[in-house]
Amino acid sequence: MTASHPAVEATGLVKLFGSNRAVDGVDLTVPAGTVYGVLGPNGAGKTTTINMLATLMKPDAGTARIFGHDVVRDAGIVRQLIGVTGQFASVDEKLSATENLVLFGRLLGLSGRAAKRKADELLEEFSLTEAARRPLAKFSGGMRRRLDLAASLIAQPPLIFLDEPTTGLDPRTRNQMWDTVRRLVSEGSTVLLTTQYLDEADQLADRIAVIDSGRVVAEGTSDDLKASIGTSSLNLRLSDTGDTDAALQAIRQVLGVEAALSPEAARISVPLLEADRVTDLLVELRSRGIHLAEMSVQKPSLDEVFLTITGHGASASDPELEGAHS
């Protein structure tokens, strides 16, 4: 591993399940020391892509390298450089949290004492100390998710794959997971995470690839993706709906755009092409005696991003695309 190599460099990755192309020519470059988000709806090919990069599946076409090492020819080396947290828990139901982490540590070559020390550190970080000896059958879904992530961090690998790590977690646990990701990157790790949540990519990712139907359909920063589907909107609710026509006229005059009117004529949505002109509009409305009951600025939502870039909403899924591997 050298600093000159990207953490991940994939070109033309393809994976077939029968006649379905679950991954259809994916290209990815993930610089070392960053968080890279892979965003897409269920069945888009995210998990299958991760599985190929993590040596869990062989590509049917294309190449992938982890820190310069080919995932097929150098699979043994690659596995020493990565940690993987999949969508489903890999922990043993019959063992306690401590026993699970110690087992993973021992399998990775740590001494018994070192494995126990590392287990205790991770249990503390993920707020699982009090439940360390409790049977996993009594763990909540969020607790299992945290334990699964802890298990993937035993060896502190330079590259960590997180496959939808916060799906189903409560807000507090999700924020805790985000803090852990930030810490890992600050300490030199690279994180590649898949998610359906734009807010998660917003919070964490330096760059994002949007995957749909097995292909990368957009790539860039979170702001790039939002900008690509349109501008934010200024939402106004008038105190008196009788002022609606005058307000629409003022918007055309000051901002030079046509506003959308809600059916009850109480709310006006204005494309925000020039944010610094909003003050001019507010001054004009006041000069005309038009009073506002409410004002807000709304950025494109998650579903708007998905709908525009992929042609369907974030909840859309096609499980056949990834077979049993979605």
C-alpha atoms as a PDB file:
ATOM      1  CA  MET A   1       0.000   0.000   0.000  1.00  0.00           C
ATOM      2  CA  THR A   2       1.391   3.370  -0.976  1.00  0.00           C
ATOM      3  CA  ALA A   3       0.037   6.868  -0.795  1.00  0.00           C
ATOM      4  CA  SER A   4       0.307   7.101  -4.594  1.00  0.00           C
ATOM      5  CA  HIS A   5      -2.550   4.617  -5.107  1.00  0.00           C
ATOM      6  CA  PRO A   6      -6.247   5.413  -4.704  1.00  0.00           C
ATOM      7  CA  ALA A   7      -7.970   3.366  -2.005  1.00  0.00           C
ATOM      8  CA  VAL A   8     -10.338   2.020  -4.674  1.00  0.00           C
ATOM      9  CA  GLU A   9      -9.937   2.076  -8.429  1.00  0.00           C
ATOM     10  CA  ALA A  10     -12.608   0.185 -10.365  1.00  0.00           C
ATOM     11  CA  THR A  11     -13.062   0.160 -14.129  1.00  0.00           C
ATOM     12  CA  GLY A  12     -15.960  -1.383 -16.019  1.00  0.00           C
ATOM     13  CA  LEU A  13     -17.112  -3.727 -13.241  1.00  0.00           C
ATOM     14  CA  VAL A  14     -19.807  -6.146 -14.376  1.00  0.00           C
ATOM     15  CA  LYS A  15     -21.700  -8.808 -12.429  1.00  0.00           C
ATOM     16  CA  LEU A  16     -24.351 -11.045 -13.953  1.00  0.00           C
ATOM     17  CA  PHE A  17     -27.042 -13.079 -12.211  1.00  0.00           C
ATOM     18  CA  GLY A  18     -28.558 -15.095 -15.012  1.00  0.00           C
ATOM     19  CA  SER A  19     -29.794 -12.599 -17.580  1.00  0.00           C
ATOM     20  CA  ASN A  20     -29.752  -9.711 -15.087  1.00  0.00           C
ATOM     21  CA  ARG A  21     -26.784  -7.338 -15.127  1.00  0.00           C
ATOM     22  CA  ALA A  22     -26.761  -6.423 -11.439  1.00  0.00           C
ATOM     23  CA  VAL A  23     -23.654  -4.307 -12.042  1.00  0.00           C
ATOM     24  CA  ASP A  24     -23.264  -2.995 -15.564  1.00  0.00           C
ATOM     25  CA  GLY A  25     -19.911  -1.285 -16.101  1.00  0.00           C
ATOM     26  CA  VAL A  26     -19.283   0.603 -12.851  1.00  0.00           C
ATOM     27  CA  ASP A  27     -16.275   2.940 -12.650  1.00  0.00           C
ATOM     28  CA  LEU A  28     -15.200   4.261  -9.241  1.00  0.00           C
ATOM     29  CA  THR A  29     -12.125   6.079  -7.950  1.00  0.00           C
ATOM     30  CA  VAL A  30     -11.905   6.638  -4.202  1.00  0.00           C
ATOM     31  CA  PRO A  31      -8.970   8.752  -2.975  1.00  0.00           C
ATOM     32  CA  ALA A  32      -7.276   7.508   0.198  1.00  0.00           C
ATOM     33  CA  GLY A  33      -8.275   9.263   3.412  1.00  0.00           C
ATOM     34  CA  THR A  34     -11.776  10.244   2.282  1.00  0.00           C
ATOM     35  CA  VAL A  35     -15.389   9.190   2.728  1.00  0.00           C
ATOM     36  CA  TYR A  36     -16.950   8.117  -0.551  1.00  0.00           C
ATOM     37  CA  GLY A  37     -20.698   7.604  -0.709  1.00  0.00           C
ATOM     38  CA  VAL A  38     -22.448   5.247  -3.107  1.00  0.00           C
ATOM     39  CA  LEU A  39     -26.038   6.406  -3.262  1.00  0.00           C
ATOM     40  CA  GLY A  40     -28.870   4.487  -4.859  1.00  0.00           C
ATOM     41  CA  PRO A  41     -32.303   2.894  -4.383  1.00  0.00           C
ATOM     42  CA  ASN A  42     -32.840  -0.723  -3.347  1.00  0.00           C
ATOM     43  CA  GLY A  43     -31.739  -3.125  -6.060  1.00  0.00           C
ATOM     44  CA  ALA A  44     -29.496  -0.573  -7.772  1.00  0.00           C
ATOM     45  CA  GLY A  45     -26.354  -2.700  -7.547  1.00  0.00           C
ATOM     46  CA  LYS A  46     -24.685  -1.080  -4.533  1.00  0.00           C
ATOM     47  CA  THR A  47     -24.233  -4.225  -2.450  1.00  0.00           C
ATOM     48  CA  THR A  48     -23.042  -6.299  -5.391  1.00  0.00           C
ATOM     49  CA  THR A  49     -20.446  -3.638  -6.187  1.00  0.00           C
ATOM     50  CA  ILE A  50     -19.232  -3.698  -2.577  1.00  0.00           C
ATOM     51  CA  ASN A  51     -19.078  -7.496  -2.647  1.00  0.00           C
ATOM     52  CA  MET A  52     -16.812  -7.459  -5.687  1.00  0.00           C
ATOM     53  CA  LEU A  53     -14.537  -4.780  -4.244  1.00  0.00           C
ATOM     54  CA  ALA A  54     -14.322  -6.747  -0.974  1.00  0.00           C
ATOM     55  CA  THR A  55     -13.368 -10.008  -2.789  1.00  0.00           C
ATOM     56  CA  LEU A  56     -16.664 -11.663  -1.804  1.00  0.00           C
ATOM     57  CA  MET A  57     -17.659 -12.029  -5.471  1.00  0.00           C
ATOM     58  CA  LYS A  58     -15.577 -12.239  -8.637  1.00  0.00           C
ATOM     59  CA  PRO A  59     -16.404  -9.696 -11.342  1.00  0.00           C
ATOM     60  CA  ASP A  60     -17.634 -11.113 -14.637  1.00  0.00           C
ATOM     61  CA  ALA A  61     -15.850  -8.270 -16.408  1.00  0.00           C
ATOM     62  CA  GLY A  62     -13.779  -5.224 -15.546  1.00  0.00           C
ATOM     63  CA  THR A  63     -11.051  -4.711 -12.969  1.00  0.00           C
ATOM     64  CA  ALA A  64     -10.787  -3.371  -9.448  1.00  0.00           C
ATOM     65  CA  ARG A  65      -7.789  -2.505  -7.313  1.00  0.00           C
ATOM     66  CA  ILE A  66      -7.555  -1.752  -3.601  1.00  0.00           C
ATOM     67  CA  PHE A  67      -4.503   0.401  -2.863  1.00  0.00           C
ATOM     68  CA  GLY A  68      -3.058  -0.921  -6.136  1.00  0.00           C
ATOM     69  CA  HIS A  69      -3.785  -4.607  -5.454  1.00  0.00           C
ATOM     70  CA  ASP A  70      -6.068  -6.483  -7.855  1.00  0.00           C
ATOM     71  CA  VAL A  71      -9.150  -7.861  -6.075  1.00  0.00           C
ATOM     72  CA  VAL A  72      -8.947 -11.163  -7.987  1.00  0.00           C
ATOM     73  CA  ARG A  73      -5.215 -11.854  -8.315  1.00  0.00           C
ATOM     74  CA  ASP A  74      -4.277 -10.338  -4.935  1.00  0.00           C
ATOM     75  CA  ALA A  75      -7.403 -11.258  -2.964  1.00  0.00           C
ATOM     76  CA  GLY A  76      -5.394 -12.382   0.078  1.00  0.00           C
ATOM     77  CA  ILE A  77      -3.576  -9.065   0.320  1.00  0.00           C
ATOM     78  CA  VAL A  78      -6.782  -7.090  -0.273  1.00  0.00           C
ATOM     79  CA  ARG A  79      -8.519  -8.868   2.605  1.00  0.00           C
ATOM     80  CA  GLN A  80      -5.787  -7.709   4.968  1.00  0.00           C
ATOM     81  CA  LEU A  81      -6.452  -4.093   3.959  1.00  0.00           C
ATOM     82  CA  ILE A  82     -10.228  -3.968   4.375  1.00  0.00           C
ATOM     83  CA  GLY A  83     -13.026  -4.254   6.890  1.00  0.00           C
ATOM     84  CA  VAL A  84     -16.605  -4.954   5.830  1.00  0.00           C
ATOM     85  CA  THR A  85     -19.896  -4.259   7.572  1.00  0.00           C
ATOM     86  CA  GLY A  86     -22.684  -5.743   5.464  1.00  0.00           C
ATOM     87  CA  GLN A  87     -26.429  -5.205   5.614  1.00  0.00           C
ATOM     88  CA  PHE A  88     -26.884  -8.281   7.776  1.00  0.00           C
ATOM     89  CA  ALA A  89     -25.168  -8.962  11.080  1.00  0.00           C
ATOM     90  CA  SER A  90     -22.178 -11.280  10.939  1.00  0.00           C
ATOM     91  CA  VAL A  91     -22.037 -11.803  14.704  1.00  0.00           C
ATOM     92  CA  ASP A  92     -22.712 -15.136  16.414  1.00  0.00           C
ATOM     93  CA  GLU A  93     -26.093 -15.235  18.144  1.00  0.00           C
ATOM     94  CA  LYS A  94     -24.888 -17.749  20.731  1.00  0.00           C
ATOM     95  CA  LEU A  95     -22.055 -15.543  22.002  1.00  0.00           C
ATOM     96  CA  SER A  96     -22.098 -12.347  24.029  1.00  0.00           C
ATOM     97  CA  ALA A  97     -20.883  -9.049  22.569  1.00  0.00           C
ATOM     98  CA  THR A  98     -17.516  -9.408  24.297  1.00  0.00           C
ATOM     99  CA  GLU A  99     -17.118 -13.002  23.163  1.00  0.00           C
ATOM    100  CA  ASN A 100     -17.915 -12.046  19.563  1.00  0.00           C
ATOM    101  CA  LEU A 101     -15.332  -9.270  19.461  1.00  0.00           C
ATOM    102  CA  VAL A 102     -12.655 -11.338  21.181  1.00  0.00           C
ATOM    103  CA  LEU A 103     -13.294 -14.139  18.672  1.00  0.00           C
ATOM    104  CA  PHE A 104     -12.859 -11.747  15.743  1.00  0.00           C
ATOM    105  CA  GLY A 105      -9.688 -10.384  17.327  1.00  0.00           C
ATOM    106  CA  ARG A 106      -8.220 -13.838  17.794  1.00  0.00           C
ATOM    107  CA  LEU A 107      -9.079 -14.792  14.194  1.00  0.00           C
ATOM    108  CA  LEU A 108      -7.205 -11.693  13.076  1.00  0.00           C
ATOM    109  CA  GLY A 109      -4.111 -12.779  14.979  1.00  0.00           C
ATOM    110  CA  LEU A 110      -4.361 -10.733  18.168  1.00  0.00           C
ATOM    111  CA  SER A 111      -3.266 -12.300  21.433  1.00  0.00           C
ATOM    112  CA  GLY A 112      -5.984 -13.116  23.945  1.00  0.00           C
ATOM    113  CA  ARG A 113      -5.086 -10.099  26.071  1.00  0.00           C
ATOM    114  CA  ALA A 114      -4.891  -7.734  23.082  1.00  0.00           C
ATOM    115  CA  ALA A 115      -8.213  -9.029  21.704  1.00  0.00           C
ATOM    116  CA  LYS A 116      -9.918  -8.463  25.064  1.00  0.00           C
ATOM    117  CA  ARG A 117      -8.468  -4.959  25.366  1.00  0.00           C
ATOM    118  CA  LYS A 118      -9.595  -4.052  21.832  1.00  0.00           C
ATOM    119  CA  ALA A 119     -13.048  -5.527  22.486  1.00  0.00           C
ATOM    120  CA  ASP A 120     -13.448  -3.410  25.623  1.00  0.00           C
ATOM    121  CA  GLU A 121     -12.394  -0.248  23.738  1.00  0.00           C
ATOM    122  CA  LEU A 122     -14.904  -0.844  20.949  1.00  0.00           C
ATOM    123  CA  LEU A 123     -17.731  -1.727  23.320  1.00  0.00           C
ATOM    124  CA  GLU A 124     -17.095   1.552  25.125  1.00  0.00           C
ATOM    125  CA  GLU A 125     -17.029   3.544  21.877  1.00  0.00           C
ATOM    126  CA  PHE A 126     -20.337   2.084  20.715  1.00  0.00           C
ATOM    127  CA  SER A 127     -22.042   2.404  24.123  1.00  0.00           C
ATOM    128  CA  LEU A 128     -22.348  -1.359  24.532  1.00  0.00           C
ATOM    129  CA  THR A 129     -20.326  -1.815  27.719  1.00  0.00           C
ATOM    130  CA  GLU A 130     -23.366  -2.397  29.918  1.00  0.00           C
ATOM    131  CA  ALA A 131     -24.651  -5.034  27.506  1.00  0.00           C
ATOM    132  CA  ALA A 132     -21.242  -6.649  26.923  1.00  0.00           C
ATOM    133  CA  ARG A 133     -22.179  -9.968  28.560  1.00  0.00           C
ATOM    134  CA  ARG A 134     -25.837 -10.003  27.575  1.00  0.00           C
ATOM    135  CA  PRO A 135     -26.997 -12.698  25.111  1.00  0.00           C
ATOM    136  CA  LEU A 136     -27.357 -11.249  21.609  1.00  0.00           C
ATOM    137  CA  ALA A 137     -30.934 -12.527  21.506  1.00  0.00           C
ATOM    138  CA  LYS A 138     -31.766  -9.632  23.845  1.00  0.00           C
ATOM    139  CA  PHE A 139     -30.064  -7.007  21.650  1.00  0.00           C
ATOM    140  CA  SER A 140     -32.125  -4.491  19.702  1.00  0.00           C
ATOM    141  CA  GLY A 141     -31.545  -4.051  15.973  1.00  0.00           C
ATOM    142  CA  GLY A 142     -29.526  -0.901  16.602  1.00  0.00           C
ATOM    143  CA  MET A 143     -27.327  -2.637  19.170  1.00  0.00           C
ATOM    144  CA  ARG A 144     -26.608  -5.488  16.742  1.00  0.00           C
ATOM    145  CA  ARG A 145     -25.732  -2.948  14.042  1.00  0.00           C
ATOM    146  CA  ARG A 146     -23.266  -1.201  16.344  1.00  0.00           C
ATOM    147  CA  LEU A 147     -21.712  -4.514  17.350  1.00  0.00           C
ATOM    148  CA  ASP A 148     -21.367  -5.515  13.699  1.00  0.00           C
ATOM    149  CA  LEU A 149     -19.537  -2.272  12.920  1.00  0.00           C
ATOM    150  CA  ALA A 150     -17.331  -2.744  15.978  1.00  0.00           C
ATOM    151  CA  ALA A 151     -16.379  -6.217  14.719  1.00  0.00           C
ATOM    152  CA  SER A 152     -15.265  -4.791  11.366  1.00  0.00           C
ATOM    153  CA  LEU A 153     -12.975  -2.316  13.168  1.00  0.00           C
ATOM    154  CA  ILE A 154     -11.047  -4.805  15.287  1.00  0.00           C
ATOM    155  CA  ALA A 155      -7.989  -4.624  13.044  1.00  0.00           C
ATOM    156  CA  GLN A 156      -8.407  -0.890  12.220  1.00  0.00           C
ATOM    157  CA  PRO A 157      -8.110  -1.546   8.469  1.00  0.00           C
ATOM    158  CA  PRO A 158      -7.067   1.256   6.102  1.00  0.00           C
ATOM    159  CA  LEU A 159     -10.228   0.757   4.004  1.00  0.00           C
ATOM    160  CA  ILE A 160     -13.658   0.128   5.498  1.00  0.00           C
ATOM    161  CA  PHE A 161     -16.760  -0.818   3.496  1.00  0.00           C
ATOM    162  CA  LEU A 162     -20.040   0.114   5.202  1.00  0.00           C
ATOM    163  CA  ASP A 163     -23.099  -1.223   3.389  1.00  0.00           C
ATOM    164  CA  GLU A 164     -26.106   0.875   4.452  1.00  0.00           C
ATOM    165  CA  PRO A 165     -24.729   1.084   8.008  1.00  0.00           C
ATOM    166  CA  THR A 166     -27.540   3.175   9.500  1.00  0.00           C
ATOM    167  CA  THR A 167     -30.650   1.660   7.903  1.00  0.00           C
ATOM    168  CA  GLY A 168     -33.238   1.167  10.638  1.00  0.00           C
ATOM    169  CA  LEU A 169     -31.264   2.990  13.332  1.00  0.00           C
ATOM    170  CA  ASP A 170     -32.761   5.660  15.573  1.00  0.00           C
ATOM    171  CA  PRO A 171     -31.435   9.245  15.128  1.00  0.00           C
ATOM    172  CA  ARG A 172     -29.190   9.086  18.201  1.00  0.00           C
ATOM    173  CA  THR A 173     -27.512   5.857  17.106  1.00  0.00           C
ATOM    174  CA  ARG A 174     -27.221   7.144  13.536  1.00  0.00           C
ATOM    175  CA  ASN A 175     -25.408  10.265  14.744  1.00  0.00           C
ATOM    176  CA  GLN A 176     -23.138   8.091  16.860  1.00  0.00           C
ATOM    177  CA  MET A 177     -22.296   6.032  13.787  1.00  0.00           C
ATOM    178  CA  TRP A 178     -21.540   9.203  11.840  1.00  0.00           C
ATOM    179  CA  ASP A 179     -19.166  10.369  14.569  1.00  0.00           C
ATOM    180  CA  THR A 180     -17.343   7.036  14.378  1.00  0.00           C
ATOM    181  CA  VAL A 181     -16.949   7.343  10.604  1.00  0.00           C
ATOM    182  CA  ARG A 182     -15.514  10.843  11.007  1.00  0.00           C
ATOM    183  CA  ARG A 183     -13.062   9.594  13.632  1.00  0.00           C
ATOM    184  CA  LEU A 184     -11.895   6.742  11.430  1.00  0.00           C
ATOM    185  CA  VAL A 185     -11.144   9.096   8.552  1.00  0.00           C
ATOM    186  CA  SER A 186      -9.411  11.604  10.845  1.00  0.00           C
ATOM    187  CA  GLU A 187      -7.119   8.760  11.906  1.00  0.00           C
ATOM    188  CA  GLY A 188      -6.209   7.918   8.316  1.00  0.00           C
ATOM    189  CA  SER A 189      -8.765   5.319   7.231  1.00  0.00           C
ATOM    190  CA  THR A 190     -10.778   5.482   4.028  1.00  0.00           C
ATOM    191  CA  VAL A 191     -14.504   4.741   4.176  1.00  0.00           C
ATOM    192  CA  LEU A 192     -16.714   3.671   1.296  1.00  0.00           C
ATOM    193  CA  LEU A 193     -20.351   3.605   2.368  1.00  0.00           C
ATOM    194  CA  THR A 194     -23.541   2.782   0.536  1.00  0.00           C
ATOM    195  CA  THR A 195     -26.725   4.531   1.536  1.00  0.00           C
ATOM    196  CA  GLN A 196     -30.232   5.422   0.433  1.00  0.00           C
ATOM    197  CA  TYR A 197     -30.106   8.604   2.492  1.00  0.00           C
ATOM    198  CA  LEU A 198     -28.921  11.818   0.903  1.00  0.00           C
ATOM    199  CA  ASP A 199     -28.682  13.428   4.343  1.00  0.00           C
ATOM    200  CA  GLU A 200     -26.192  10.731   5.352  1.00  0.00           C
ATOM    201  CA  ALA A 201     -24.105  11.361   2.243  1.00  0.00           C
ATOM    202  CA  ASP A 202     -24.481  15.097   2.953  1.00  0.00           C
ATOM    203  CA  GLN A 203     -23.068  14.664   6.436  1.00  0.00           C
ATOM    204  CA  LEU A 204     -20.213  12.323   5.624  1.00  0.00           C
ATOM    205  CA  ALA A 205     -19.166  11.946   2.005  1.00  0.00           C
ATOM    206  CA  ASP A 206     -16.520  13.990   0.248  1.00  0.00           C
ATOM    207  CA  ARG A 207     -17.828  12.668  -3.061  1.00  0.00           C
ATOM    208  CA  ILE A 208     -20.867  10.606  -4.055  1.00  0.00           C
ATOM    209  CA  ALA A 209     -21.619   8.219  -6.894  1.00  0.00           C
ATOM    210  CA  VAL A 210     -25.286   7.658  -7.706  1.00  0.00           C
ATOM    211  CA  ILE A 211     -25.874   4.098  -8.916  1.00  0.00           C
ATOM    212  CA  ASP A 212     -29.065   2.966 -10.607  1.00  0.00           C
ATOM    213  CA  SER A 213     -29.766  -0.233 -12.552  1.00  0.00           C
ATOM    214  CA  GLY A 214     -26.150  -1.264 -12.088  1.00  0.00           C
ATOM    215  CA  ARG A 215     -24.641   1.902 -13.557  1.00  0.00           C
ATOM    216  CA  VAL A 216     -23.131   5.107 -12.194  1.00  0.00           C
ATOM    217  CA  VAL A 217     -25.554   7.763 -13.414  1.00  0.00           C
ATOM    218  CA  ALA A 218     -24.052  10.758 -11.600  1.00  0.00           C
ATOM    219  CA  GLU A 219     -20.943  11.539  -9.574  1.00  0.00           C
ATOM    220  CA  GLY A 220     -19.759  14.535  -7.599  1.00  0.00           C
ATOM    221  CA  THR A 221     -20.097  16.302  -4.276  1.00  0.00           C
ATOM    222  CA  SER A 222     -23.454  16.475  -2.532  1.00  0.00           C
ATOM    223  CA  ASP A 223     -23.807  20.101  -3.625  1.00  0.00           C
ATOM    224  CA  ASP A 224     -23.005  19.076  -7.212  1.00  0.00           C
ATOM    225  CA  LEU A 225     -25.819  16.531  -7.174  1.00  0.00           C
ATOM    226  CA  LYS A 226     -28.334  18.939  -5.701  1.00  0.00           C
ATOM    227  CA  ALA A 227     -27.366  21.654  -8.179  1.00  0.00           C
ATOM    228  CA  SER A 228     -27.692  19.209 -11.065  1.00  0.00           C
ATOM    229  CA  ILE A 229     -31.415  18.707 -10.442  1.00  0.00           C
ATOM    230  CA  GLY A 230     -32.344  22.335 -10.011  1.00  0.00           C
ATOM    231  CA  THR A 231     -32.239  25.193  -7.601  1.00  0.00           C
ATOM    232  CA  SER A 232     -33.604  25.637  -4.118  1.00  0.00           C
ATOM    233  CA  SER A 233     -37.023  27.206  -3.785  1.00  0.00           C
ATOM    234  CA  LEU A 234     -38.273  30.125  -1.708  1.00  0.00           C
ATOM    235  CA  ASN A 235     -41.605  29.254  -0.103  1.00  0.00           C
ATOM    236  CA  LEU A 236     -43.899  32.084   0.938  1.00  0.00           C
ATOM    237  CA  ARG A 237     -47.243  31.991   2.755  1.00  0.00           C
ATOM    238  CA  LEU A 238     -49.186  35.232   2.561  1.00  0.00           C
ATOM    239  CA  SER A 239     -51.099  36.654   5.493  1.00  0.00           C
ATOM    240  CA  ASP A 240     -53.867  37.692   3.081  1.00  0.00           C
ATOM    241  CA  THR A 241     -54.550  35.541   0.031  1.00  0.00           C
ATOM    242  CA  GLY A 242     -56.086  38.611  -1.568  1.00  0.00           C
ATOM    243  CA  ASP A 243     -52.528  39.849  -2.112  1.00  0.00           C
ATOM    244  CA  THR A 244     -51.616  36.851  -4.263  1.00  0.00           C
ATOM    245  CA  ASP A 245     -51.744  38.555  -7.659  1.00  0.00           C
ATOM    246  CA  ALA A 246     -49.720  41.506  -6.421  1.00  0.00           C
ATOM    247  CA  ALA A 247     -47.152  39.155  -4.868  1.00  0.00           C
ATOM    248  CA  LEU A 248     -46.777  37.171  -8.105  1.00  0.00           C
ATOM    249  CA  GLN A 249     -46.304  40.419 -10.011  1.00  0.00           C
ATOM    250  CA  ALA A 250     -43.608  41.550  -7.569  1.00  0.00           C
ATOM    251  CA  ILE A 251     -41.801  38.219  -7.922  1.00  0.00           C
ATOM    252  CA  ARG A 252     -41.791  38.525 -11.725  1.00  0.00           C
ATOM    253  CA  GLN A 253     -40.589  42.104 -11.517  1.00  0.00           C
ATOM    254  CA  VAL A 254     -37.809  41.598  -8.959  1.00  0.00           C
ATOM    255  CA  LEU A 255     -36.608  38.048  -9.628  1.00  0.00           C
ATOM    256  CA  GLY A 256     -37.653  37.586 -13.235  1.00  0.00           C
ATOM    257  CA  VAL A 257     -39.161  34.144 -12.623  1.00  0.00           C
ATOM    258  CA  GLU A 258     -42.610  32.592 -12.589  1.00  0.00           C
ATOM    259  CA  ALA A 259     -43.727  31.286  -9.200  1.00  0.00           C
ATOM    260  CA  ALA A 260     -45.881  28.224  -8.539  1.00  0.00           C
ATOM    261  CA  LEU A 261     -49.100  28.736  -6.631  1.00  0.00           C
ATOM    262  CA  SER A 262     -50.613  26.171  -4.272  1.00  0.00           C
ATOM    263  CA  PRO A 263     -54.257  25.231  -4.935  1.00  0.00           C
ATOM    264  CA  GLU A 264     -55.527  27.234  -1.992  1.00  0.00           C
ATOM    265  CA  ALA A 265     -53.491  30.245  -3.181  1.00  0.00           C
ATOM    266  CA  ALA A 266     -51.940  30.599   0.252  1.00  0.00           C
ATOM    267  CA  ARG A 267     -48.463  29.303  -0.570  1.00  0.00           C
ATOM    268  CA  ILE A 268     -46.147  30.509  -3.301  1.00  0.00           C
ATOM    269  CA  SER A 269     -43.058  28.566  -4.391  1.00  0.00           C
ATOM    270  CA  VAL A 270     -40.350  30.609  -6.122  1.00  0.00           C
ATOM    271  CA  PRO A 271     -37.334  29.098  -7.957  1.00  0.00           C
ATOM    272  CA  LEU A 272     -34.336  30.568  -6.161  1.00  0.00           C
ATOM    273  CA  LEU A 273     -31.919  31.316  -8.987  1.00  0.00           C
ATOM    274  CA  GLU A 274     -30.191  34.207  -7.208  1.00  0.00           C
ATOM    275  CA  ALA A 275     -30.265  33.882  -3.428  1.00  0.00           C
ATOM    276  CA  ASP A 276     -28.912  37.372  -2.860  1.00  0.00           C
ATOM    277  CA  ARG A 277     -31.984  38.861  -4.568  1.00  0.00           C
ATOM    278  CA  VAL A 278     -34.346  37.596  -1.861  1.00  0.00           C
ATOM    279  CA  THR A 279     -33.780  40.731   0.205  1.00  0.00           C
ATOM    280  CA  ASP A 280     -34.831  42.873  -2.770  1.00  0.00           C
ATOM    281  CA  LEU A 281     -38.046  40.858  -3.057  1.00  0.00           C
ATOM    282  CA  LEU A 282     -38.859  41.223   0.635  1.00  0.00           C
ATOM    283  CA  VAL A 283     -38.342  44.978   0.434  1.00  0.00           C
ATOM    284  CA  GLU A 284     -40.620  45.172  -2.614  1.00  0.00           C
ATOM    285  CA  LEU A 285     -43.345  43.120  -0.929  1.00  0.00           C
ATOM    286  CA  ARG A 286     -43.246  45.368   2.118  1.00  0.00           C
ATOM    287  CA  SER A 287     -43.399  48.497  -0.027  1.00  0.00           C
ATOM    288  CA  ARG A 288     -46.591  47.111  -1.572  1.00  0.00           C
ATOM    289  CA  GLY A 289     -48.095  46.370   1.821  1.00  0.00           C
ATOM    290  CA  ILE A 290     -47.940  42.593   1.277  1.00  0.00           C
ATOM    291  CA  HIS A 291     -47.358  40.770   4.543  1.00  0.00           C
ATOM    292  CA  LEU A 292     -45.930  37.267   4.967  1.00  0.00           C
ATOM    293  CA  ALA A 293     -47.158  34.740   7.504  1.00  0.00           C
ATOM    294  CA  GLU A 294     -44.274  32.381   6.768  1.00  0.00           C
ATOM    295  CA  MET A 295     -41.093  32.181   4.709  1.00  0.00           C
ATOM    296  CA  SER A 296     -38.649  29.308   4.180  1.00  0.00           C
ATOM    297  CA  VAL A 297     -35.975  28.122   1.770  1.00  0.00           C
ATOM    298  CA  GLN A 298     -36.147  24.483   0.702  1.00  0.00           C
ATOM    299  CA  LYS A 299     -33.345  22.566  -0.977  1.00  0.00           C
ATOM    300  CA  PRO A 300     -34.109  19.653  -3.292  1.00  0.00           C
ATOM    301  CA  SER A 301     -35.252  16.676  -1.252  1.00  0.00           C
ATOM    302  CA  LEU A 302     -33.876  13.138  -1.372  1.00  0.00           C
ATOM    303  CA  ASP A 303     -36.775  11.937  -3.483  1.00  0.00           C
ATOM    304  CA  GLU A 304     -36.373  14.870  -5.873  1.00  0.00           C
ATOM    305  CA  VAL A 305     -32.714  13.967  -6.388  1.00  0.00           C
ATOM    306  CA  PHE A 306     -33.573  10.322  -7.046  1.00  0.00           C
ATOM    307  CA  LEU A 307     -36.590  11.135  -9.187  1.00  0.00           C
ATOM    308  CA  THR A 308     -34.646  13.487 -11.426  1.00  0.00           C
ATOM    309  CA  ILE A 309     -31.401  11.532 -11.715  1.00  0.00           C
ATOM    310  CA  THR A 310     -32.780   7.984 -11.802  1.00  0.00           C
ATOM    311  CA  GLY A 311     -36.338   8.519 -13.008  1.00  0.00           C
ATOM    312  CA  HIS A 312     -37.975   7.093  -9.874  1.00  0.00           C
ATOM    313  CA  GLY A 313     -38.177   7.767  -6.149  1.00  0.00           C
ATOM    314  CA  ALA A 314     -35.795   6.604  -3.451  1.00  0.00           C
ATOM    315  CA  SER A 315     -38.131   3.848  -2.304  1.00  0.00           C
ATOM    316  CA  ALA A 316     -38.254   2.208  -5.722  1.00  0.00           C
ATOM    317  CA  SER A 317     -36.670  -1.197  -5.888  1.00  0.00           C
ATOM    318  CA  ASP A 318     -36.106  -3.996  -8.294  1.00  0.00           C
ATOM    319  CA  PRO A 319     -34.870  -6.947  -6.248  1.00  0.00           C
ATOM    320  CA  GLU A 320     -34.329  -9.043  -9.368  1.00  0.00           C
ATOM    321  CA  LEU A 321     -31.438  -6.759 -10.284  1.00  0.00           C
ATOM    322  CA  GLU A 322     -29.364  -8.111  -7.440  1.00  0.00           C
ATOM    323  CA  GLY A 323     -31.087 -11.429  -6.891  1.00  0.00           C
ATOM    324  CA  ALA A 324     -30.528 -12.611  -3.361  1.00  0.00           C
ATOM    325  CA  HIS A 325     -27.582 -10.254  -3.036  1.00  0.00           C
ATOM    326  CA  SER A 326     -29.461  -6.960  -2.745  1.00  0.00           C
END
